[in-house]
Protein backbone atom coordinates (compact mmCIF):
# COMPACT_ATOMS: atom_id res chain seq x y z
CA MET A 1 91.60 19.01 -4.57
CA PRO A 2 91.48 20.49 -8.06
CA GLU A 3 88.13 20.44 -9.87
CA GLY A 4 87.25 17.04 -11.31
CA ASP A 5 85.65 13.63 -10.72
CA ILE A 6 86.49 11.42 -7.73
CA THR A 7 85.87 7.73 -8.39
CA SER A 8 86.73 4.23 -7.11
CA VAL A 9 86.72 5.27 -3.46
CA SER A 10 88.15 2.59 -1.13
CA ILE A 11 88.47 3.01 2.66
CA ALA A 12 91.21 1.04 4.42
CA ARG A 13 90.21 -1.65 6.93
CA GLY A 14 91.74 0.41 9.70
CA GLU A 15 89.56 3.39 8.59
CA LYS A 16 92.52 5.76 8.78
CA ARG A 17 93.07 6.21 5.06
CA MET A 18 91.08 6.35 1.85
CA ALA A 19 92.24 5.72 -1.73
CA PHE A 20 90.52 7.17 -4.80
CA TYR A 21 91.08 8.26 -8.37
CA HIS A 22 90.80 11.86 -9.51
CA ASN A 23 90.17 12.91 -13.12
CA GLY A 24 90.13 16.50 -14.34
CA ASP A 25 89.83 18.31 -17.67
CA ARG A 26 93.62 18.73 -17.85
CA SER A 27 94.68 15.52 -16.15
CA PRO A 28 93.94 11.82 -16.69
CA ASN A 29 93.08 9.56 -13.73
CA ASN A 30 95.56 9.82 -10.87
CA LEU A 31 95.61 7.72 -7.70
CA TYR A 32 95.40 9.60 -4.37
CA VAL A 33 95.51 8.60 -0.72
CA TYR A 34 93.64 10.67 1.86
CA GLU A 35 94.59 10.70 5.56
CA PHE A 36 91.51 11.19 7.77
CA ALA A 37 93.52 12.37 10.77
CA THR A 38 95.29 15.19 8.93
CA GLY A 39 92.79 15.89 6.15
CA GLN A 40 95.63 15.73 3.62
CA ALA A 41 95.43 14.07 0.20
CA SER A 42 98.61 12.84 -1.47
CA ARG A 43 98.88 12.08 -5.17
CA LEU A 44 100.68 8.78 -5.86
CA THR A 45 100.74 8.82 -9.68
CA GLN A 46 101.32 11.27 -12.52
CA ALA A 47 99.33 9.95 -15.48
CA LEU A 48 99.90 12.95 -17.75
CA SER A 49 102.91 12.51 -20.00
CA PRO A 50 105.90 14.56 -18.81
CA GLU A 51 106.14 15.87 -22.37
CA ILE A 52 102.80 17.66 -21.91
CA ASP A 53 102.44 20.85 -19.89
CA ALA A 54 99.00 20.86 -18.22
CA ALA A 55 98.98 24.66 -18.62
CA ASP A 56 98.83 24.16 -22.39
CA LEU A 57 95.57 22.21 -22.00
CA VAL A 58 92.19 23.81 -21.36
CA ASP A 59 89.37 23.53 -18.85
CA ALA A 60 86.01 22.62 -20.31
CA GLN A 61 82.88 24.69 -19.77
CA VAL A 62 79.28 23.50 -19.52
CA VAL A 63 77.10 25.54 -21.90
CA ARG A 64 73.51 25.26 -23.07
CA PHE A 65 71.51 26.50 -26.02
CA LYS A 66 67.87 26.23 -27.03
CA SER A 67 67.29 23.99 -30.02
CA PHE A 68 64.84 24.48 -32.90
CA ASP A 69 61.82 23.56 -30.76
CA GLY A 70 62.88 25.31 -27.57
CA MET A 71 64.39 22.22 -25.90
CA GLU A 72 67.49 23.11 -23.91
CA VAL A 73 70.54 21.15 -25.04
CA PRO A 74 73.59 20.81 -22.73
CA ASN A 75 77.12 20.74 -24.11
CA ILE A 76 80.76 20.64 -23.05
CA LEU A 77 82.73 23.47 -24.68
CA TYR A 78 86.51 23.53 -25.16
CA LYS A 79 88.10 26.83 -26.23
CA PRO A 80 91.74 27.04 -27.40
CA HIS A 81 93.93 29.55 -25.58
CA GLN A 82 94.72 31.35 -28.82
CA ALA A 83 91.10 31.79 -30.00
CA THR A 84 89.98 35.44 -29.82
CA PRO A 85 87.60 37.72 -31.74
CA ASP A 86 90.67 38.94 -33.63
CA ASN A 87 91.95 35.42 -34.23
CA LYS A 88 88.86 33.34 -34.90
CA ALA A 89 89.25 29.58 -34.78
CA PRO A 90 87.63 26.75 -36.75
CA ALA A 91 85.31 24.52 -34.75
CA ILE A 92 84.01 20.96 -34.49
CA VAL A 93 80.71 19.60 -33.23
CA TRP A 94 81.69 16.37 -31.45
CA VAL A 95 78.88 13.78 -31.17
CA HIS A 96 79.24 11.02 -28.57
CA GLY A 97 78.48 7.35 -29.10
CA GLY A 98 75.44 5.45 -27.96
CA PRO A 99 72.67 6.06 -28.74
CA GLY A 100 72.27 7.32 -25.21
CA GLY A 101 75.86 8.19 -24.38
CA GLN A 102 77.05 11.41 -22.79
CA THR A 103 79.96 13.80 -23.18
CA ARG A 104 81.14 14.94 -19.75
CA LYS A 105 83.81 17.15 -18.31
CA GLY A 106 87.00 15.24 -17.67
CA TYR A 107 90.13 14.32 -19.51
CA SER A 108 89.83 13.49 -23.21
CA ALA A 109 93.14 13.02 -25.00
CA LEU A 110 91.54 13.38 -28.45
CA ILE A 111 89.63 16.54 -27.66
CA GLN A 112 92.60 18.17 -25.93
CA TYR A 113 94.72 17.21 -28.95
CA LEU A 114 92.33 18.97 -31.31
CA VAL A 115 91.94 22.00 -29.07
CA ASN A 116 95.71 22.26 -28.66
CA HIS A 117 95.93 22.48 -32.45
CA GLY A 118 93.53 25.40 -32.59
CA TYR A 119 90.04 23.91 -32.81
CA VAL A 120 87.07 24.94 -30.70
CA VAL A 121 85.26 21.71 -29.79
CA LEU A 122 81.63 21.50 -28.70
CA GLY A 123 80.74 18.11 -27.24
CA ILE A 124 76.99 18.07 -27.79
CA ASN A 125 74.64 16.10 -25.57
CA ASN A 126 71.77 16.06 -28.04
CA ARG A 127 68.34 14.86 -27.00
CA GLY A 128 68.55 11.18 -26.17
CA SER A 129 71.75 11.59 -24.16
CA SER A 130 71.92 10.08 -20.69
CA GLY A 131 72.33 12.06 -17.50
CA TYR A 132 69.56 14.63 -17.96
CA GLY A 133 66.43 12.75 -16.92
CA LYS A 134 64.12 10.17 -18.47
CA THR A 135 62.18 12.60 -20.65
CA PHE A 136 65.34 13.91 -22.29
CA PHE A 137 66.79 10.39 -22.58
CA THR A 138 63.77 9.02 -24.47
CA ALA A 139 63.20 12.14 -26.59
CA ASP A 140 65.09 10.55 -29.51
CA ASP A 141 63.41 7.13 -29.54
CA GLN A 142 62.68 6.26 -33.19
CA LYS A 143 63.38 9.88 -34.15
CA HIS A 144 67.00 9.42 -35.17
CA GLY A 145 68.11 11.30 -38.24
CA ARG A 146 65.55 13.96 -37.48
CA GLU A 147 65.18 15.82 -34.14
CA PRO A 148 68.52 14.74 -32.56
CA LEU A 149 70.28 15.61 -35.80
CA ARG A 150 68.63 19.00 -35.87
CA ASP A 151 70.13 19.58 -32.42
CA CYS A 152 73.54 19.18 -34.09
CA VAL A 153 72.57 21.74 -36.73
CA GLU A 154 71.59 24.13 -33.96
CA ALA A 155 74.93 23.39 -32.27
CA LYS A 156 76.66 24.63 -35.40
CA LYS A 157 74.62 27.83 -35.22
CA TYR A 158 75.55 28.23 -31.56
CA LEU A 159 79.24 27.83 -32.34
CA ALA A 160 78.98 30.36 -35.16
CA SER A 161 77.49 32.87 -32.69
CA LEU A 162 80.59 32.77 -30.47
CA PRO A 163 82.83 35.79 -31.10
CA TYR A 164 86.01 33.69 -31.32
CA VAL A 165 84.66 31.08 -33.79
CA ASP A 166 84.87 31.34 -37.58
CA GLY A 167 81.36 30.29 -38.55
CA SER A 168 82.48 29.49 -42.09
CA ARG A 169 84.82 26.72 -40.89
CA ILE A 170 82.84 24.25 -38.77
CA GLY A 171 82.96 20.47 -39.07
CA ILE A 172 81.26 17.53 -37.37
CA ALA A 173 82.84 14.35 -35.99
CA GLY A 174 82.06 11.37 -33.80
CA GLY A 175 82.52 7.66 -33.20
CA SER A 176 80.01 4.80 -33.40
CA TYR A 177 76.59 6.47 -33.08
CA GLY A 178 78.46 9.78 -33.37
CA GLY A 179 79.87 8.49 -36.64
CA TYR A 180 76.31 7.84 -37.83
CA MET A 181 75.33 11.38 -36.86
CA THR A 182 78.28 12.70 -38.85
CA LEU A 183 77.18 10.80 -41.95
CA ALA A 184 73.56 11.83 -41.40
CA ALA A 185 74.53 15.49 -41.05
CA LEU A 186 76.44 15.42 -44.35
CA ALA A 187 73.61 13.55 -46.13
CA PHE A 188 70.49 15.22 -44.72
CA HIS A 189 71.90 18.73 -44.12
CA PRO A 190 74.54 18.85 -46.87
CA ASN A 191 75.14 22.61 -46.71
CA VAL A 192 75.63 22.99 -42.95
CA PHE A 193 79.08 21.55 -42.15
CA ASN A 194 82.35 21.97 -44.03
CA ALA A 195 83.65 18.45 -43.40
CA GLY A 196 82.92 15.29 -41.42
CA VAL A 197 84.90 12.60 -39.59
CA ASP A 198 83.11 9.26 -39.19
CA ILE A 199 84.84 6.85 -36.79
CA PHE A 200 83.25 3.37 -37.19
CA GLY A 201 79.78 4.84 -37.71
CA VAL A 202 76.59 3.17 -38.96
CA SER A 203 75.57 3.97 -42.53
CA ASN A 204 72.80 1.38 -42.99
CA TRP A 205 70.60 0.80 -39.96
CA LEU A 206 68.70 -2.05 -41.59
CA ARG A 207 71.87 -4.11 -41.93
CA THR A 208 73.27 -3.11 -38.54
CA LEU A 209 70.11 -3.99 -36.64
CA LYS A 210 69.76 -7.30 -38.47
CA SER A 211 73.40 -8.22 -37.79
CA VAL A 212 73.19 -7.98 -33.98
CA PRO A 213 74.43 -11.43 -32.80
CA PRO A 214 72.14 -13.70 -30.74
CA TYR A 215 74.34 -13.45 -27.64
CA TRP A 216 73.47 -9.73 -27.46
CA GLU A 217 69.76 -10.47 -27.13
CA SER A 218 69.02 -7.97 -24.35
CA PHE A 219 71.04 -5.33 -26.18
CA ARG A 220 69.17 -6.10 -29.40
CA GLN A 221 65.77 -5.59 -27.80
CA ALA A 222 66.84 -2.27 -26.29
CA LEU A 223 68.29 -1.15 -29.62
CA TYR A 224 65.10 -2.07 -31.48
CA GLN A 225 63.08 0.00 -29.01
CA GLU A 226 65.48 2.91 -29.50
CA MET A 227 66.01 2.76 -33.26
CA GLY A 228 63.16 0.65 -34.61
CA ASP A 229 62.57 -3.00 -35.56
CA PRO A 230 63.89 -3.75 -39.07
CA ALA A 231 61.02 -6.19 -39.62
CA LYS A 232 58.41 -3.56 -38.73
CA HIS A 233 60.05 -0.24 -39.57
CA GLU A 234 61.95 -0.94 -42.77
CA LYS A 235 60.93 2.28 -44.55
CA MET A 236 61.72 4.48 -41.55
CA LEU A 237 65.13 2.90 -41.08
CA LYS A 238 65.91 3.26 -44.77
CA ASP A 239 64.86 6.90 -44.65
CA ILE A 240 67.32 7.68 -41.84
CA SER A 241 70.24 5.60 -43.16
CA PRO A 242 72.86 7.80 -44.88
CA LEU A 243 73.88 5.04 -47.29
CA PHE A 244 70.59 5.35 -49.17
CA HIS A 245 71.06 9.12 -49.45
CA ALA A 246 74.80 9.23 -50.09
CA GLY A 247 74.28 11.06 -53.37
CA LYS A 248 73.52 14.20 -51.37
CA ILE A 249 76.90 14.22 -49.60
CA LYS A 250 79.13 16.90 -51.11
CA LYS A 251 81.53 17.86 -48.32
CA PRO A 252 84.87 16.14 -47.56
CA LEU A 253 84.62 12.97 -45.49
CA LEU A 254 87.11 10.92 -43.48
CA VAL A 255 86.06 7.40 -42.47
CA ILE A 256 87.98 5.35 -39.88
CA GLN A 257 87.11 1.67 -39.39
CA GLY A 258 88.33 -1.41 -37.52
CA ALA A 259 88.32 -4.48 -39.74
CA ASN A 260 87.18 -6.73 -36.88
CA ASP A 261 84.40 -4.52 -35.54
CA PRO A 262 81.48 -6.75 -34.41
CA ARG A 263 79.08 -3.88 -33.71
CA VAL A 264 79.54 -1.70 -36.77
CA ILE A 265 80.79 -4.17 -39.34
CA LYS A 266 83.29 -3.13 -41.99
CA PRO A 267 80.77 -3.18 -44.90
CA GLU A 268 79.06 -0.22 -43.20
CA SER A 269 82.12 1.90 -43.94
CA ASP A 270 83.06 0.19 -47.22
CA ASP A 271 79.69 0.96 -48.75
CA ILE A 272 79.42 4.60 -47.68
CA VAL A 273 82.95 5.32 -48.92
CA GLN A 274 82.21 3.77 -52.32
CA ALA A 275 78.92 5.64 -52.57
CA VAL A 276 80.37 9.04 -51.68
CA GLN A 277 83.32 8.58 -54.04
CA LYS A 278 80.81 8.65 -56.90
CA ASN A 279 80.01 12.26 -55.92
CA LYS A 280 83.57 13.28 -56.78
CA VAL A 281 84.09 14.80 -53.33
CA PRO A 282 87.23 14.17 -51.26
CA VAL A 283 86.92 10.91 -49.29
CA GLU A 284 89.67 9.37 -47.15
CA TYR A 285 89.31 5.85 -45.78
CA VAL A 286 91.51 4.41 -43.03
CA VAL A 287 91.09 0.75 -42.05
CA PHE A 288 92.92 -0.86 -39.13
CA PRO A 289 93.20 -4.63 -39.71
CA ASP A 290 93.88 -5.35 -36.03
CA GLU A 291 91.13 -3.29 -34.38
CA GLY A 292 87.47 -3.79 -33.55
CA HIS A 293 84.97 -1.27 -32.17
CA GLY A 294 87.47 1.23 -30.83
CA PHE A 295 91.21 1.27 -30.34
CA THR A 296 93.16 -1.22 -28.25
CA LYS A 297 96.62 -0.41 -29.63
CA LYS A 298 98.27 2.92 -28.92
CA LYS A 299 100.04 3.07 -32.30
CA ASN A 300 96.71 2.78 -34.11
CA GLU A 301 95.14 5.42 -31.91
CA VAL A 302 98.02 7.79 -32.62
CA GLU A 303 97.75 7.18 -36.36
CA ALA A 304 93.97 7.61 -36.40
CA TYR A 305 94.06 10.88 -34.50
CA SER A 306 96.94 12.17 -36.62
CA ARG A 307 95.01 11.37 -39.81
CA MET A 308 91.99 13.10 -38.33
CA LEU A 309 93.95 16.25 -37.53
CA ASN A 310 95.59 16.35 -40.96
CA PHE A 311 92.19 15.95 -42.61
CA LEU A 312 90.61 18.73 -40.54
CA ASP A 313 93.59 21.00 -41.14
CA GLN A 314 93.21 20.50 -44.87
CA TYR A 315 89.50 21.24 -45.05
CA LEU A 316 88.81 23.55 -42.10
CA LYS A 317 91.97 25.64 -42.00
CA LYS A 318 92.41 26.33 -45.69
CA SER A 319 90.38 28.99 -47.52
CA GLY A 320 87.69 28.33 -50.04
CA THR A 321 85.60 25.82 -48.08
CA LYS A 322 82.86 28.08 -46.81
CA PRO A 323 79.47 26.38 -46.45
CA MET A 324 76.41 27.59 -48.30
CA ASN A 325 73.57 29.20 -46.36
């Protein structure tokens, strides 16, 4: 079998065959059948579009760097085929959702799309990410906007140290909690990244935490423990909410939002866009009237990713956008 994840294992009642899914960096989930007698696995599906050559995609690499306080931070690194020391590429720090999510090896259509268009992508698993033990997982509790965000700043420094990356053309992007981290990076470290892409990200934690519906009670309690209780930690939550510090944002921003999002409601994006527009910096706002927290329609996904690529091409591939030190 090629390198990748094997999931959904099911052994036949006769115990002669086994079915499973296989997912790799350059291939979406495919269904296989394994014959115990012969030891042979047969692929039954081809999930990758026939218009895509898997050889044009890239294998991800697990890399680690030490953050500002010595904590080791794991990441998934994607390097375009054409990136070399003589042909340095722009780069993106990709922040997963959550809090407490994880970027893993495996097929990501969006990341492969960006890499195929010449971007180095570093999927950071900042402190607070799952999969690396309890201590690492809880290291961000009620520290959001500070230590985990500084991990992202260190990720930018790590990318800039790579011989095939142009350190003067590095952006940050993410969805949901990753969208919050994008906004926080632009607000609290305004000179670090060249541009940001916020996909349905939180801008005002006070409002978001207060708007959790009653039927998510167990989720609400866990979120309060992670982020803070708006009734008890109002000042802290205001301090880490980009909306209240939007005047510091001076780098181009793209915001993508679903109008029916129940988790990160539309006013979260409306307000940050209006606030940043006052800074006279480029702001693009894309709202999908028939989407919620994520994409359910392929046409919307295609449009969103196309708008994202066009935005990044404009602000990370053109000259004259070098960040200040």
